[in-house]
Amino acid sequence: MTLPDTKDPDTYAEAIAGLVLGLRPADSYVRGYRDVLLGAIDRDVAGDDYDRLRTVTGRWFPDEATWDRQAAQRMRADFEVESVVEPEQDVFARDAPPGHEVRTVSGVQTLRYEGENGEEVRDARARSVTVWVYCPSDRNCSLVSVPDEVLR
């Protein structure tokens, strides 16, 4: 699990959404996902908000016990991006310093897991996530936030 080195906010937001909505407990450890996402937050950009962002971001993933139950059910989630758009009338974007970008990534999340009788269960649904990133012209993008209230 890695995020791309890019200056393109669309590409970066798409990768963040794929990480958050494409969890694969059957194939990995929750700590790996959490470390990649938390490592994407730039301390210099976040400033005094850094510790709060790390706490909020850490809650986007299930706790270890839940992850282990999902792994036992061989759960895998895939996220297929259908669109990446800059939201209209976004309050954050209006007051944000240069380089701060907001993108809403929409697509289909498909969950697969082993049901009670050992058969594979599939469930697909439309999902969207709004991602705030910092993409200055002189360096690669970093994560600012994926607030709980915009993960749907």
Protein backbone atom coordinates (compact mmCIF):
# COMPACT_ATOMS: atom_id res chain seq x y z
CA MET A 1 0.00 0.00 0.00
CA THR A 2 1.47 3.27 -1.12
CA LEU A 3 0.24 6.63 -2.28
CA PRO A 4 1.54 8.16 -5.50
CA ASP A 5 4.15 10.89 -5.64
CA THR A 6 2.17 13.41 -7.67
CA LYS A 7 1.35 17.10 -7.93
CA ASP A 8 -2.07 16.30 -9.43
CA PRO A 9 -4.86 16.71 -6.83
CA ASP A 10 -7.25 14.46 -8.80
CA THR A 11 -4.77 11.58 -8.91
CA TYR A 12 -3.91 11.99 -5.23
CA ALA A 13 -7.54 12.25 -4.08
CA GLU A 14 -8.38 9.14 -6.12
CA ALA A 15 -5.56 7.23 -4.39
CA ILE A 16 -6.72 8.36 -0.93
CA ALA A 17 -10.29 7.26 -1.72
CA GLY A 18 -9.00 3.91 -2.96
CA LEU A 19 -7.10 3.43 0.28
CA VAL A 20 -10.05 4.35 2.52
CA LEU A 21 -12.72 2.46 0.54
CA GLY A 22 -10.62 -0.42 -0.75
CA LEU A 23 -9.74 -2.15 2.51
CA ARG A 24 -8.62 -5.77 2.27
CA PRO A 25 -8.53 -7.35 5.75
CA ALA A 26 -8.09 -10.81 4.20
CA ASP A 27 -4.76 -9.78 2.67
CA SER A 28 -3.21 -7.23 5.02
CA TYR A 29 -3.02 -5.65 8.45
CA VAL A 30 -4.99 -2.59 9.57
CA ARG A 31 -1.77 -1.02 10.85
CA GLY A 32 -0.42 -0.90 7.29
CA TYR A 33 -3.41 1.11 6.02
CA ARG A 34 -3.34 3.38 9.04
CA ASP A 35 0.41 4.02 8.73
CA VAL A 36 0.17 4.91 5.03
CA LEU A 37 -2.71 7.34 5.58
CA LEU A 38 -1.26 8.92 8.71
CA GLY A 39 2.11 9.24 6.96
CA ALA A 40 0.41 11.24 4.19
CA ILE A 41 -0.42 14.08 6.60
CA ASP A 42 2.27 16.74 6.35
CA ARG A 43 3.09 18.11 9.83
CA ASP A 44 4.21 21.44 8.35
CA VAL A 45 0.91 21.90 6.51
CA ALA A 46 -1.28 20.73 9.39
CA GLY A 47 0.53 22.85 11.98
CA ASP A 48 -1.30 22.97 15.32
CA ASP A 49 -4.03 20.75 13.87
CA TYR A 50 -1.66 17.80 13.29
CA ASP A 51 -2.49 15.79 16.44
CA ARG A 52 -6.24 16.25 15.95
CA LEU A 53 -5.96 15.16 12.29
CA ARG A 54 -4.02 12.03 13.28
CA THR A 55 -6.71 11.12 15.84
CA VAL A 56 -9.59 11.67 13.40
CA THR A 57 -7.80 9.88 10.55
CA GLY A 58 -7.00 6.90 12.76
CA ARG A 59 -10.75 6.37 13.35
CA TRP A 60 -11.43 5.77 9.65
CA PHE A 61 -10.28 2.17 10.00
CA PRO A 62 -11.78 -0.61 12.13
CA ASP A 63 -10.15 -1.53 15.42
CA GLU A 64 -7.89 -4.60 15.52
CA ALA A 65 -10.63 -6.96 16.77
CA THR A 66 -13.06 -5.94 14.03
CA TRP A 67 -10.30 -6.16 11.40
CA ASP A 68 -9.43 -9.67 12.60
CA ARG A 69 -13.11 -10.75 12.34
CA GLN A 70 -13.26 -9.34 8.81
CA ALA A 71 -10.03 -11.12 7.92
CA ALA A 72 -11.48 -14.40 9.22
CA GLN A 73 -14.43 -13.86 6.84
CA ARG A 74 -11.89 -13.22 4.04
CA MET A 75 -13.34 -9.75 3.45
CA ARG A 76 -12.03 -7.70 0.55
CA ALA A 77 -13.26 -4.33 -0.66
CA ASP A 78 -12.52 -2.91 -4.07
CA PHE A 79 -13.28 0.66 -5.09
CA GLU A 80 -13.74 1.55 -8.74
CA VAL A 81 -13.57 5.30 -9.31
CA GLU A 82 -16.18 6.75 -11.63
CA SER A 83 -15.51 10.46 -11.16
CA VAL A 84 -13.29 12.99 -9.42
CA VAL A 85 -14.74 16.49 -9.20
CA GLU A 86 -14.02 19.76 -7.47
CA PRO A 87 -17.14 20.47 -5.38
CA GLU A 88 -18.97 23.70 -6.09
CA GLN A 89 -19.42 26.23 -3.30
CA ASP A 90 -17.10 24.48 -0.89
CA VAL A 91 -16.59 26.57 2.25
CA PHE A 92 -13.09 25.17 2.82
CA ALA A 93 -11.92 25.97 -0.72
CA ARG A 94 -13.12 29.58 -0.47
CA ASP A 95 -10.89 30.39 2.51
CA ALA A 96 -8.01 28.00 1.85
CA PRO A 97 -4.46 29.16 1.16
CA PRO A 98 -2.97 28.50 -2.30
CA GLY A 99 -2.27 24.84 -3.01
CA HIS A 100 -5.16 23.52 -0.92
CA GLU A 101 -7.60 21.54 -3.04
CA VAL A 102 -10.89 19.75 -2.37
CA ARG A 103 -12.04 16.80 -4.46
CA THR A 104 -15.05 14.51 -4.23
CA VAL A 105 -14.29 11.03 -5.49
CA SER A 106 -17.28 8.87 -6.43
CA GLY A 107 -17.48 5.29 -7.53
CA VAL A 108 -18.61 1.78 -6.67
CA GLN A 109 -17.33 -0.13 -3.66
CA THR A 110 -17.64 -3.90 -3.97
CA LEU A 111 -17.39 -5.98 -0.79
CA ARG A 112 -16.64 -9.69 -1.01
CA TYR A 113 -16.55 -11.99 1.99
CA GLU A 114 -17.21 -15.55 3.06
CA GLY A 115 -20.78 -16.06 4.26
CA GLU A 116 -22.01 -18.37 7.01
CA ASN A 117 -22.18 -21.39 4.69
CA GLY A 118 -18.78 -20.76 3.18
CA GLU A 119 -20.18 -19.23 0.00
CA GLU A 120 -18.81 -15.96 -1.36
CA VAL A 121 -21.08 -12.99 -0.75
CA ARG A 122 -20.82 -9.87 -2.92
CA ASP A 123 -22.32 -6.49 -2.20
CA ALA A 124 -21.78 -3.43 -4.40
CA ARG A 125 -22.87 0.12 -3.64
CA ALA A 126 -22.20 3.66 -4.76
CA ARG A 127 -19.84 5.53 -2.44
CA SER A 128 -18.33 9.00 -2.35
CA VAL A 129 -15.63 10.58 -0.27
CA THR A 130 -14.48 14.20 -0.15
CA VAL A 131 -10.74 14.60 0.22
CA TRP A 132 -8.86 17.77 1.18
CA VAL A 133 -5.29 17.80 -0.08
CA TYR A 134 -2.38 20.20 -0.29
CA CYS A 135 -0.76 20.24 -3.74
CA PRO A 136 1.63 23.19 -4.09
CA SER A 137 3.34 23.72 -7.43
CA ASP A 138 6.82 23.03 -6.02
CA ARG A 139 6.27 19.62 -4.37
CA ASN A 140 4.07 16.52 -4.24
CA CYS A 141 0.60 16.45 -2.71
CA SER A 142 -0.07 15.61 0.92
CA LEU A 143 -3.26 14.82 2.81
CA VAL A 144 -5.07 17.53 4.75
CA SER A 145 -8.25 15.69 5.74
CA VAL A 146 -11.04 13.25 4.94
CA PRO A 147 -13.65 14.33 7.50
CA ASP A 148 -16.01 11.67 8.88
CA GLU A 149 -19.06 13.58 7.73
CA VAL A 150 -18.07 13.45 4.05
CA LEU A 151 -17.36 9.71 3.91
CA ARG A 152 -20.56 8.17 2.56
